[in-house]
Protein backbone atom coordinates (compact mmCIF):
# COMPACT_ATOMS: atom_id res chain seq x y z
CA MET A 1 14.21 -16.83 45.59
CA LYS A 2 14.22 -17.61 42.32
CA VAL A 3 16.72 -19.88 40.73
CA ARG A 4 19.30 -19.11 38.00
CA LEU A 5 21.40 -21.79 36.34
CA LEU A 6 24.72 -20.82 35.71
CA THR A 7 25.08 -23.01 32.42
CA PHE A 8 22.54 -24.24 30.16
CA ILE A 9 19.44 -26.22 31.62
CA ILE A 10 18.50 -30.06 30.47
CA PHE A 11 15.19 -31.19 31.58
CA SER A 12 13.92 -34.95 30.72
CA SER A 13 12.93 -37.66 32.54
CA PHE A 14 16.68 -38.55 34.26
CA PHE A 15 16.46 -34.72 35.97
CA ALA A 16 12.76 -35.62 36.66
CA GLN A 17 13.73 -37.12 40.10
CA SER A 18 17.15 -37.41 42.18
CA PRO A 19 19.71 -39.76 40.84
CA LEU A 20 20.85 -39.96 44.47
CA ASN A 21 20.21 -43.65 46.35
CA GLU A 22 16.67 -43.65 48.35
CA ARG A 23 18.61 -44.82 51.34
CA TYR A 24 19.98 -41.40 52.04
CA HIS A 25 17.34 -39.11 53.85
CA THR A 26 16.54 -35.79 52.51
CA TYR A 27 16.00 -32.60 54.79
CA GLU A 28 12.17 -33.73 54.57
CA ASP A 29 12.89 -37.41 56.00
CA ILE A 30 14.98 -35.94 58.07
CA VAL A 31 12.51 -33.85 59.96
CA ASP A 32 10.07 -36.37 59.60
CA SER A 33 12.05 -38.84 61.52
CA LEU A 34 12.67 -36.50 64.55
CA ILE A 35 8.85 -35.63 64.82
CA ILE A 36 8.10 -39.39 65.06
CA TRP A 37 10.86 -39.99 67.54
CA ASN A 38 9.74 -36.60 69.31
CA GLU A 39 6.06 -38.24 69.41
CA ASN A 40 7.12 -41.85 70.27
CA PHE A 41 9.85 -40.61 73.10
CA SER A 42 9.55 -37.16 74.18
CA ASN A 43 6.78 -38.06 76.98
CA ASN A 44 7.83 -41.98 77.40
CA PRO A 45 9.42 -42.34 80.75
CA ASN A 46 10.17 -46.52 80.28
CA PRO A 47 11.26 -46.29 76.59
CA SER A 48 13.34 -49.25 76.83
CA PRO A 49 13.49 -52.12 79.05
CA TYR A 50 17.15 -52.12 78.95
CA TYR A 51 17.00 -48.57 80.23
CA GLN A 52 16.14 -49.01 84.11
CA ASN A 53 14.73 -46.10 85.49
CA SER A 54 15.74 -43.89 82.50
CA GLY A 55 13.05 -41.63 82.44
CA ILE A 56 12.23 -39.74 79.15
CA ILE A 57 15.59 -40.42 77.20
CA TYR A 58 14.52 -38.19 74.41
CA LYS A 59 13.94 -34.06 73.51
CA LEU A 60 14.16 -32.05 70.21
CA GLU A 61 14.61 -28.50 69.95
CA GLU A 62 15.23 -26.04 67.37
CA ILE A 63 18.55 -24.43 67.71
CA GLY A 64 18.39 -21.78 64.60
CA LYS A 65 17.65 -21.26 60.90
CA SER A 66 18.94 -21.45 57.45
CA HIS A 67 20.64 -18.02 56.36
CA GLU A 68 17.99 -17.45 53.22
CA ASP A 69 15.42 -20.06 53.57
CA ASP A 70 14.75 -19.91 57.21
CA LEU A 71 14.43 -23.78 57.50
CA PRO A 72 14.46 -24.70 61.18
CA ILE A 73 17.68 -26.53 62.41
CA TYR A 74 16.83 -29.28 64.68
CA ALA A 75 19.33 -30.88 67.93
CA VAL A 76 18.29 -33.91 69.40
CA LYS A 77 19.21 -34.33 73.07
CA LEU A 78 19.58 -38.42 74.33
CA SER A 79 20.39 -39.02 77.80
CA TYR A 80 18.70 -40.34 81.17
CA ASN A 81 16.04 -37.46 82.12
CA ALA A 82 16.52 -35.80 78.93
CA ASP A 83 13.44 -33.33 79.92
CA GLU A 84 15.83 -32.18 83.36
CA ILE A 85 19.15 -30.32 82.99
CA LEU A 86 21.31 -32.67 84.83
CA ASP A 87 25.19 -31.84 85.79
CA LYS A 88 26.37 -34.48 82.95
CA PRO A 89 29.75 -34.02 79.95
CA ARG A 90 28.03 -33.40 76.57
CA VAL A 91 28.89 -34.27 73.67
CA LEU A 92 27.61 -33.07 70.51
CA ILE A 93 27.65 -34.55 67.05
CA LEU A 94 27.19 -32.64 63.44
CA GLY A 95 25.96 -34.97 60.87
CA GLN A 96 26.60 -32.18 58.13
CA CYS A 97 28.29 -29.06 57.48
CA HIS A 98 28.74 -28.88 53.60
CA SER A 99 25.93 -29.87 51.52
CA GLU A 100 26.88 -32.50 49.18
CA GLU A 101 28.90 -34.91 51.94
CA ILE A 102 25.83 -36.51 53.21
CA LEU A 103 26.94 -39.64 54.35
CA GLY A 104 27.55 -37.90 57.99
CA VAL A 105 24.14 -37.21 57.77
CA GLU A 106 23.55 -40.97 58.08
CA ILE A 107 25.91 -41.94 60.62
CA SER A 108 24.14 -39.03 62.98
CA MET A 109 20.57 -40.63 61.98
CA SER A 110 21.98 -43.88 62.59
CA LEU A 111 23.15 -43.21 66.05
CA ILE A 112 20.02 -41.40 67.62
CA GLU A 113 18.16 -44.80 66.22
CA ARG A 114 20.46 -46.71 68.03
CA PHE A 115 20.32 -44.93 71.13
CA LEU A 116 16.67 -44.98 70.93
CA TYR A 117 16.12 -48.66 69.90
CA PRO A 118 18.61 -50.48 72.06
CA GLN A 119 17.59 -53.63 71.47
CA ASN A 120 18.10 -54.06 67.70
CA TYR A 121 21.65 -53.52 68.35
CA PRO A 122 22.49 -56.77 71.37
CA SER A 123 26.97 -55.78 71.01
CA ASP A 124 26.06 -52.32 71.45
CA ILE A 125 24.19 -52.57 74.75
CA ASN A 126 26.68 -51.99 77.29
CA THR A 127 27.99 -48.83 75.04
CA LEU A 128 24.54 -47.44 74.98
CA ILE A 129 23.54 -47.93 78.52
CA GLY A 130 26.54 -46.52 79.74
CA VAL A 131 26.70 -43.66 77.60
CA LEU A 132 22.99 -42.50 77.57
CA TYR A 133 23.39 -43.18 81.65
CA SER A 134 26.27 -40.83 82.38
CA THR A 135 26.68 -38.24 79.59
CA GLU A 136 24.25 -35.47 77.33
CA ILE A 137 25.05 -36.50 73.97
CA TRP A 138 23.83 -33.75 71.70
CA ILE A 139 23.01 -34.84 67.76
CA VAL A 140 22.47 -32.06 64.39
CA PRO A 141 21.87 -34.28 61.52
CA THR A 142 22.74 -31.76 59.28
CA HIS A 143 23.41 -27.67 60.12
CA ASN A 144 23.23 -26.81 56.27
CA PRO A 145 19.52 -28.09 55.51
CA GLU A 146 19.30 -25.37 52.48
CA GLY A 147 22.34 -26.86 50.78
CA HIS A 148 21.08 -30.03 52.13
CA THR A 149 17.77 -29.44 49.79
CA VAL A 150 19.79 -28.32 46.60
CA VAL A 151 21.91 -31.68 46.78
CA HIS A 152 18.74 -33.87 47.15
CA GLY A 153 16.89 -31.72 44.18
CA TRP A 154 13.69 -29.45 44.09
CA ASN A 155 11.17 -29.00 42.45
CA ASP A 156 11.25 -25.02 41.63
CA GLU A 157 7.68 -22.85 41.15
CA ASN A 158 7.40 -23.75 37.40
CA GLY A 159 7.42 -27.26 37.91
CA ASN A 160 11.05 -28.20 36.81
CA TRP A 161 13.07 -30.45 39.06
CA LEU A 162 16.38 -28.69 39.73
CA GLN A 163 19.50 -30.41 41.33
CA ASP A 164 23.10 -29.91 42.04
CA VAL A 165 24.72 -33.43 43.61
CA THR A 166 27.90 -31.72 43.90
CA TYR A 167 26.69 -28.09 45.53
CA ARG A 168 28.93 -27.31 48.88
CA LYS A 169 27.68 -24.00 50.33
CA ASN A 170 24.78 -22.75 52.00
CA LYS A 171 22.17 -20.35 49.96
CA HIS A 172 23.16 -16.73 50.63
CA ASP A 173 22.54 -14.20 48.05
CA VAL A 174 26.36 -13.18 47.51
CA ASN A 175 25.61 -10.86 44.49
CA GLY A 176 22.33 -9.43 46.13
CA ASN A 177 20.27 -10.21 43.11
CA GLY A 178 17.39 -11.99 44.76
CA ILE A 179 18.49 -15.22 42.37
CA PHE A 180 19.96 -18.37 43.48
CA ASP A 181 22.95 -18.48 41.43
CA PHE A 182 24.45 -21.54 41.07
CA ASN A 183 26.09 -24.62 38.44
CA PRO A 184 24.84 -28.20 38.11
CA GLN A 185 27.37 -28.85 36.08
CA GLY A 186 30.37 -30.06 37.97
CA TYR A 187 32.42 -28.74 41.04
CA GLY A 188 32.27 -25.14 42.00
CA ASN A 189 31.45 -22.40 39.80
CA ASP A 190 28.68 -21.52 42.18
CA ILE A 191 28.76 -17.77 42.88
CA ASP A 192 25.91 -17.82 45.32
CA GLY A 193 26.58 -19.45 49.33
CA VAL A 194 29.47 -19.46 51.67
CA ASP A 195 31.27 -22.34 53.11
CA LEU A 196 30.31 -22.94 56.43
CA ASN A 197 33.40 -24.52 57.52
CA ARG A 198 35.23 -21.05 56.91
CA ASN A 199 32.73 -18.62 58.54
CA TYR A 200 34.13 -19.43 62.20
CA ASP A 201 36.04 -15.73 63.55
CA PHE A 202 38.98 -18.01 64.76
CA ASN A 203 41.47 -17.24 61.57
CA TRP A 204 38.91 -16.38 59.71
CA ILE A 205 41.42 -13.84 57.82
CA PHE A 206 42.85 -16.29 56.34
CA GLY A 207 40.15 -17.84 54.19
CA ASP A 208 39.01 -17.42 50.60
CA ASP A 209 37.63 -14.51 49.48
CA ILE A 210 34.76 -13.83 47.46
CA ASN A 211 35.12 -15.16 43.89
CA THR A 212 38.59 -16.99 44.67
CA LEU A 213 40.04 -19.23 42.45
CA ASP A 214 40.89 -22.97 43.87
CA SER A 215 44.20 -24.65 42.48
CA GLY A 216 43.31 -27.81 43.54
CA CYS A 217 45.18 -30.29 45.96
CA SER A 218 48.80 -31.82 45.64
CA ALA A 219 47.49 -35.57 45.10
CA ASN A 220 44.37 -34.70 42.67
CA PRO A 221 45.43 -31.97 40.40
CA SER A 222 42.38 -32.24 38.07
CA TYR A 223 40.18 -31.25 41.31
CA ILE A 224 39.33 -27.75 40.86
CA SER A 225 36.20 -26.44 42.65
CA HIS A 226 36.48 -22.52 41.80
CA TYR A 227 34.55 -19.83 45.00
CA ASP A 228 33.54 -23.41 46.87
CA TYR A 229 35.55 -21.88 49.90
CA TYR A 230 34.15 -18.58 50.12
CA ARG A 231 34.69 -17.32 53.90
CA GLY A 232 31.41 -15.37 53.80
CA SER A 233 31.80 -11.39 54.47
CA ASP A 234 32.41 -11.48 58.05
CA PRO A 235 33.12 -13.49 60.85
CA PHE A 236 29.61 -15.54 62.00
CA SER A 237 27.76 -13.90 58.97
CA GLU A 238 25.76 -17.13 58.20
CA LYS A 239 22.63 -17.29 60.50
CA GLU A 240 23.72 -21.32 60.27
CA ILE A 241 27.28 -20.84 62.20
CA GLN A 242 25.72 -18.51 64.78
CA ALA A 243 23.06 -20.80 65.59
CA ILE A 244 25.74 -23.20 65.95
CA ARG A 245 28.25 -20.99 68.14
CA ASP A 246 25.74 -19.97 70.45
CA PHE A 247 24.72 -23.35 70.57
CA ALA A 248 28.32 -24.66 71.79
CA ILE A 249 28.93 -21.78 74.17
CA GLN A 250 25.53 -22.24 75.99
CA LYS A 251 26.23 -25.89 76.53
CA GLN A 252 29.83 -26.15 77.09
CA PHE A 253 30.36 -29.26 75.32
CA LEU A 254 33.46 -31.54 76.44
CA LEU A 255 33.77 -33.53 73.04
CA SER A 256 32.55 -33.19 69.57
CA ILE A 257 32.78 -34.81 66.16
CA ALA A 258 31.73 -33.23 62.88
CA TYR A 259 31.31 -35.41 60.00
CA HIS A 260 32.24 -33.83 56.40
CA SER A 261 33.74 -35.87 53.06
CA SER A 262 36.35 -35.32 51.05
CA ARG A 263 34.87 -35.47 47.33
CA SER A 264 38.63 -34.60 45.88
CA GLY A 265 39.97 -37.73 47.66
CA CYS A 266 42.62 -35.70 49.19
CA VAL A 267 42.02 -35.76 52.61
CA SER A 268 39.47 -39.01 52.57
CA GLU A 269 39.26 -41.55 55.60
CA ARG A 270 41.11 -39.11 57.99
CA VAL A 271 39.94 -38.30 61.35
CA ILE A 272 41.24 -34.45 61.96
CA TYR A 273 41.75 -32.37 64.93
CA PRO A 274 42.98 -29.02 66.57
CA TRP A 275 46.21 -28.63 65.74
CA LEU A 276 49.93 -28.51 64.50
CA TRP A 277 50.92 -25.62 62.45
CA ALA A 278 53.70 -24.45 60.51
CA GLY A 279 56.94 -23.82 63.17
CA GLY A 280 55.90 -26.66 65.25
CA LYS A 281 52.88 -24.68 66.81
CA ALA A 282 50.81 -27.33 68.45
CA ALA A 283 47.64 -26.69 70.44
CA PRO A 284 48.35 -26.45 74.37
CA ASP A 285 46.46 -29.90 74.92
CA TYR A 286 47.46 -31.66 71.44
CA GLN A 287 48.85 -34.71 73.66
CA ILE A 288 45.03 -35.27 74.98
CA ILE A 289 44.09 -34.35 71.43
CA SER A 290 45.93 -36.36 69.23
CA GLN A 291 46.05 -39.55 71.59
CA LEU A 292 42.24 -39.83 71.05
CA GLY A 293 42.05 -39.44 67.42
CA ARG A 294 44.79 -41.78 67.29
CA GLU A 295 42.19 -44.08 68.76
CA ILE A 296 39.06 -43.17 67.02
CA ALA A 297 40.82 -43.40 63.43
CA GLU A 298 42.04 -47.55 64.56
CA LEU A 299 38.70 -48.22 65.29
CA ILE A 300 37.23 -47.57 61.62
CA PRO A 301 38.22 -49.78 59.05
CA VAL A 302 38.93 -48.30 55.60
CA GLU A 303 36.39 -48.97 52.59
CA VAL A 304 38.92 -51.35 50.67
CA GLY A 305 41.80 -53.58 51.57
CA ASP A 306 43.19 -53.80 54.97
CA GLY A 307 43.85 -50.68 57.31
CA ASN A 308 42.02 -47.80 59.46
CA TYR A 309 41.59 -44.40 58.97
CA HIS A 310 44.73 -41.85 59.39
CA ASN A 311 44.72 -39.84 61.68
CA ALA A 312 46.11 -36.36 61.58
CA PRO A 313 46.06 -32.77 63.00
CA SER A 314 44.96 -29.49 61.24
CA GLY A 315 47.72 -27.44 59.68
CA SER A 316 45.55 -24.68 57.86
CA ARG A 317 44.16 -22.15 59.42
CA LYS A 318 41.01 -20.53 57.96
CA GLY A 319 38.01 -19.91 60.16
CA ASN A 320 37.16 -24.04 60.62
CA ALA A 321 35.00 -25.36 63.25
CA HIS A 322 37.47 -27.85 65.03
CA ASP A 323 39.47 -25.26 65.87
CA TRP A 324 37.33 -22.70 66.78
CA PHE A 325 35.75 -25.40 69.21
CA TYR A 326 38.92 -25.83 70.83
CA ALA A 327 40.08 -22.03 71.09
CA LYS A 328 37.28 -20.60 72.21
CA THR A 329 35.00 -23.43 74.12
CA GLY A 330 37.44 -25.81 75.25
CA CYS A 331 35.49 -28.54 73.39
CA ILE A 332 38.11 -30.56 71.36
CA GLN A 333 35.89 -31.36 68.03
CA TYR A 334 37.02 -33.91 65.73
CA LEU A 335 36.48 -33.87 62.46
CA ILE A 336 35.90 -37.36 60.19
CA GLU A 337 36.27 -37.07 56.70
CA VAL A 338 34.37 -39.93 56.12
CA GLY A 339 34.49 -42.94 52.83
CA THR A 340 36.65 -42.21 49.72
CA GLU A 341 36.06 -39.80 46.85
CA ASN A 342 33.23 -41.63 46.12
CA MET A 343 31.75 -39.62 48.93
CA GLN A 344 27.94 -40.75 47.46
CA PRO A 345 27.67 -44.19 46.74
CA ASN A 346 24.76 -45.66 45.05
CA ASP A 347 25.04 -48.97 46.66
CA THR A 348 22.83 -49.61 49.53
CA ASP A 349 25.11 -52.00 51.25
CA LEU A 350 28.47 -49.90 50.74
CA ILE A 351 26.11 -46.94 52.58
CA ASN A 352 25.16 -49.17 55.41
CA ASP A 353 29.00 -50.44 55.70
CA THR A 354 30.26 -47.04 55.63
CA VAL A 355 27.75 -46.03 58.32
CA ASP A 356 28.40 -49.21 60.66
CA ARG A 357 32.22 -48.75 60.70
CA ASN A 358 32.05 -45.18 61.64
CA ILE A 359 30.17 -45.87 64.50
CA GLU A 360 32.89 -47.69 66.42
CA GLY A 361 34.63 -43.99 66.48
CA ALA A 362 31.82 -42.25 67.58
CA TYR A 363 31.34 -44.85 70.75
CA HIS A 364 34.77 -44.57 71.24
CA LEU A 365 34.64 -41.11 71.94
CA LEU A 366 31.18 -40.87 73.82
CA ARG A 367 32.92 -43.31 76.50
CA ARG A 368 35.86 -41.09 76.96
CA ALA A 369 33.67 -38.66 77.52
CA ALA A 370 31.51 -40.79 79.98
CA GLY A 371 34.66 -41.70 81.72
CA ILE A 372 33.69 -45.22 80.97
CA ASN A 373 36.14 -48.22 80.36
CA LEU A 374 34.28 -51.06 77.96
CA GLY A 375 36.65 -53.63 76.11
CA ASN A 376 39.95 -51.96 74.44
CA GLY A 377 39.24 -48.36 76.17
CA PRO A 378 39.40 -45.85 76.60
CA ASP A 379 41.84 -45.03 79.32
CA LYS A 380 39.67 -42.28 81.93
CA PHE A 381 42.11 -39.63 82.70
CA GLN A 382 39.93 -36.83 83.71
CA VAL A 383 39.62 -34.27 86.35
CA THR A 384 36.66 -32.91 87.16
CA GLY A 385 34.98 -30.86 90.55
CA ILE A 386 32.42 -28.35 91.60
CA VAL A 387 34.05 -24.62 92.29
CA SER A 388 32.08 -23.02 95.17
CA ASP A 389 31.86 -20.12 97.81
CA SER A 390 33.43 -21.20 101.06
CA ARG A 391 30.89 -18.91 103.35
CA THR A 392 27.66 -20.25 101.21
CA ASN A 393 28.48 -23.67 99.40
CA LEU A 394 26.95 -22.19 96.16
CA PRO A 395 28.64 -22.53 92.85
CA ILE A 396 30.98 -20.09 91.12
CA ASN A 397 31.60 -19.01 87.68
CA ALA A 398 34.96 -19.59 87.74
CA GLU A 399 38.01 -20.14 85.44
CA VAL A 400 40.19 -23.45 85.76
CA LYS A 401 43.75 -23.64 84.14
CA ILE A 402 45.52 -26.16 83.82
CA LEU A 403 48.70 -24.77 84.42
CA GLU A 404 51.15 -27.42 82.25
CA LEU A 405 48.53 -26.88 79.31
CA ASN A 406 47.50 -23.27 79.19
CA SER A 407 48.31 -20.42 76.69
CA PRO A 408 47.17 -16.96 75.78
CA ILE A 409 45.28 -18.34 72.77
CA LEU A 410 42.83 -20.18 74.79
CA SER A 411 39.77 -18.77 76.08
CA PRO A 412 39.13 -19.41 79.71
CA ARG A 413 37.95 -22.90 80.41
CA MET A 414 34.92 -21.93 82.88
CA THR A 415 32.82 -23.71 85.13
CA ASP A 416 29.38 -24.35 84.38
CA GLY A 417 25.93 -23.52 85.65
CA PHE A 418 26.91 -26.36 88.20
CA GLY A 419 30.17 -24.64 89.56
CA ARG A 420 31.22 -27.83 87.41
CA TYR A 421 34.82 -28.26 85.40
CA ARG A 422 35.50 -31.01 83.17
CA ARG A 423 39.37 -31.53 81.65
CA LEU A 424 40.84 -34.50 79.82
CA LEU A 425 44.11 -35.32 80.75
CA TYR A 426 47.09 -38.06 80.47
CA ALA A 427 49.51 -39.79 82.66
CA ASP A 428 51.20 -36.96 84.51
CA THR A 429 51.66 -34.38 87.48
CA PHE A 430 49.58 -31.16 86.61
CA THR A 431 48.63 -28.14 88.70
CA LEU A 432 45.12 -26.65 88.78
CA GLU A 433 44.68 -22.68 89.74
CA PHE A 434 41.07 -22.03 89.80
CA SER A 435 40.14 -18.05 90.46
CA ALA A 436 37.07 -16.36 90.19
CA PHE A 437 36.57 -12.38 90.13
CA GLY A 438 35.97 -11.01 93.88
CA TYR A 439 37.84 -14.36 95.44
CA GLU A 440 41.00 -15.38 96.29
CA THR A 441 43.27 -17.74 93.50
CA LYS A 442 43.55 -21.77 94.64
CA ILE A 443 46.41 -22.90 93.60
CA VAL A 444 45.91 -27.38 93.99
CA GLU A 445 49.51 -29.08 92.93
CA ASN A 446 50.56 -32.95 92.11
CA ILE A 447 47.86 -33.78 90.98
CA VAL A 448 47.97 -36.82 88.97
CA PRO A 449 44.98 -37.78 86.85
CA SER A 450 44.39 -41.96 86.95
CA SER A 451 43.80 -44.29 83.84
CA SER A 452 40.79 -46.75 85.94
CA SER A 453 38.65 -43.57 87.51
CA ILE A 454 37.68 -40.45 87.64
CA THR A 455 40.00 -37.69 89.21
CA VAL A 456 37.72 -35.02 91.72
CA VAL A 457 39.22 -32.44 93.00
CA ASP A 458 36.48 -29.97 94.51
CA VAL A 459 37.66 -26.25 95.48
CA SER A 460 36.04 -24.03 97.54
CA LEU A 461 37.39 -20.03 97.07
CA GLU A 462 37.32 -17.49 99.73
CA PRO A 463 35.99 -14.71 99.48
CA LEU A 464 37.95 -11.37 98.79
CA ASP A 465 36.84 -8.19 100.98
CA SER A 466 35.61 -5.42 98.93
CA PHE A 467 36.33 -1.40 99.17
CA ASN A 468 34.57 1.55 97.47
CA LEU A 469 36.02 3.36 94.63
CA ASN A 470 35.03 6.41 93.93
CA ILE A 471 35.59 8.06 90.79
CA ASN A 472 35.52 11.57 89.67
CA LEU A 473 35.72 12.40 85.88
CA ASN A 474 37.20 15.94 85.09
CA LEU A 475 35.90 16.68 81.74
CA PRO A 476 37.00 19.44 79.54
CA SER A 477 34.45 22.12 80.01
CA ASN A 478 33.11 22.05 76.35
CA LEU A 479 32.99 18.52 75.82
CA GLU A 480 30.33 17.24 78.32
CA GLN A 481 30.18 13.71 77.11
CA PRO A 482 29.65 9.69 77.74
CA VAL A 483 32.62 8.23 78.98
CA LYS A 484 33.11 4.23 78.94
CA MET A 485 35.54 2.57 81.32
CA ILE A 486 36.81 -0.73 80.34
CA ARG A 487 37.73 -2.44 83.51
CA SER A 488 40.69 -5.59 82.95
CA HIS A 489 41.45 -7.88 86.33
CA HIS A 490 42.96 -11.15 85.32
CA SER A 491 41.36 -12.62 82.65
CA LYS A 492 38.14 -10.83 83.04
CA VAL A 493 37.10 -7.50 81.34
CA ASP A 494 33.87 -5.96 81.76
CA THR A 495 32.77 -2.67 80.18
CA PHE A 496 31.07 0.50 82.63
CA ASN A 497 29.05 3.93 81.39
CA LEU A 498 30.00 6.38 83.73
CA SER A 499 28.82 9.76 84.97
CA SER A 500 30.75 12.49 86.75
CA ILE A 501 30.86 11.05 89.75
CA ASN A 502 30.68 7.52 90.36
CA ASN A 503 30.63 5.46 93.64
CA LEU A 504 31.51 1.73 93.12
CA PHE A 505 31.87 -1.07 95.80
CA TRP A 506 34.81 -4.06 94.28
CA PRO A 507 36.66 -6.85 95.82
CA GLU A 508 40.08 -6.30 96.85
CA GLY A 509 42.54 -6.57 93.74
CA ASP A 510 44.36 -4.94 91.11
CA TYR A 511 42.92 -3.78 88.29
CA ASP A 512 43.78 -1.55 85.05
CA LEU A 513 41.43 0.80 83.77
CA LEU A 514 40.54 2.42 80.58
CA PHE A 515 38.67 5.54 79.72
CA LEU A 516 37.11 5.65 76.52
CA SER A 517 35.30 9.00 75.12
CA GLU A 518 34.49 10.16 71.40
CA ASP A 519 35.94 13.42 71.66
CA ILE A 520 38.33 13.03 74.51
CA PHE A 521 42.18 11.04 74.30
CA PRO A 522 42.18 8.17 76.10
CA THR A 523 43.54 7.27 79.56
CA LYS A 524 44.59 4.35 81.19
CA GLU A 525 45.28 3.88 85.40
CA ASN A 526 46.37 1.29 86.91
CA ILE A 527 45.18 1.12 90.84
CA LEU A 528 45.62 -1.66 93.41
CA LEU A 529 42.25 -1.75 95.62
CA ASN A 530 43.05 -2.67 99.36
CA THR A 531 41.22 0.04 101.16
CA ASN A 532 38.60 2.68 100.22
CA LYS A 533 39.96 5.09 97.59
CA VAL A 534 39.20 8.06 95.59
CA LEU A 535 40.31 8.69 91.77
CA ASP A 536 40.39 11.75 89.73
CA VAL A 537 40.10 11.08 86.12
């Protein structure tokens, strides 16, 4: 892609190299480190004397590519026996989404390094061992490698050094002219690019349209960043966010951190979580989410003076990752705004200090997922178990509801490939409902989670009897054409392509059926299938 700077171009010895501190990882530095670690650890079953019988602890995967330049997006798996698929809670760390917010890259790279070289961090040993043994950690240092490259600078095809340390988005050629149009002079005014943290489909509609002007923030009215929050042409239009979406759905993470930085300073040094919307509309799991968010924030000291990071629920609804993760996948994600408005400090000691101060907050979240209590916590308050078929004992893909925390705004919380479910709770009494297609629903009452041990509730579901359903379609004589049937049963929706005569064999239950065809008025049917039936439509 060609490059067009939207203001005058200045080339001098000052711009011949990046003004950023060499302590920061460039994209090439990230890739080189991940590959070296892969060579040293991906086939090493004895990585450290501290990790007795750990097996391999490191696995590197490419999970996608960037939208415009096809740069690989890498994820690192850290766990005992990382080369195997095991029944463990999973945690996701996203180091960088917005290009110029580079401190999160340093935190994520430091986390990987600490787990690989525990001997260098003697005060962290118990956490490193316990977390690595009990959980599966996935770390993505950056899922915006294009923007990361713009911030760190590059030589164009003519050997000119180009760089924009304030750039926020990816490099999507929004105006389709085959040129990367960006403005290196100050914040915003970059015609190309999409804000990756506005591109998720949950509340995407409320995000900024193309070429939307920015009005700044109340705490810093002089901060103006036009065009920087463009949500994209459609939800999940960006390949980077498609990669994160698919990865999150596949892995079914329990907890997550997404690192950001506030360049305006309006929300700096803050832990943000889902959600408290206008009118007091709180996330169904708000009591759980806010408690852990407060605990994480209290463990991260501020850069200047006494005190710790603030914590707050998100109030905006603009296609944000943390809201999507929670609503659509069940993963509770915390957006941590790292550092102050001095978001790219040039002082090496300050960079290292910012990383070190944030590590304990990350450790706390990892211990919460692992269910291990060290020092000041966290309390366990977690319920888990296996849902299986009562006749075969095989795991079932089942929906698990906590009735006191359920809401139609949430996508179904499903068991994983092991039949395993995991839910974080708090001190109270809860009711669990287990359901799966073809099985009797089971309700387990009076579940009281413990602060000191994980509560285990295994459930066997009884298969339902099945019956024949014969569906005869009576189409207009002049409109012989394909018909689709959408079947809704509890929270499960399936689509079938039908012929004129259809012999089906379904479990007992209530079914809502919607019949659709291109030129025929839709038809709805509701049936109770408790015996063999013939349905004329």
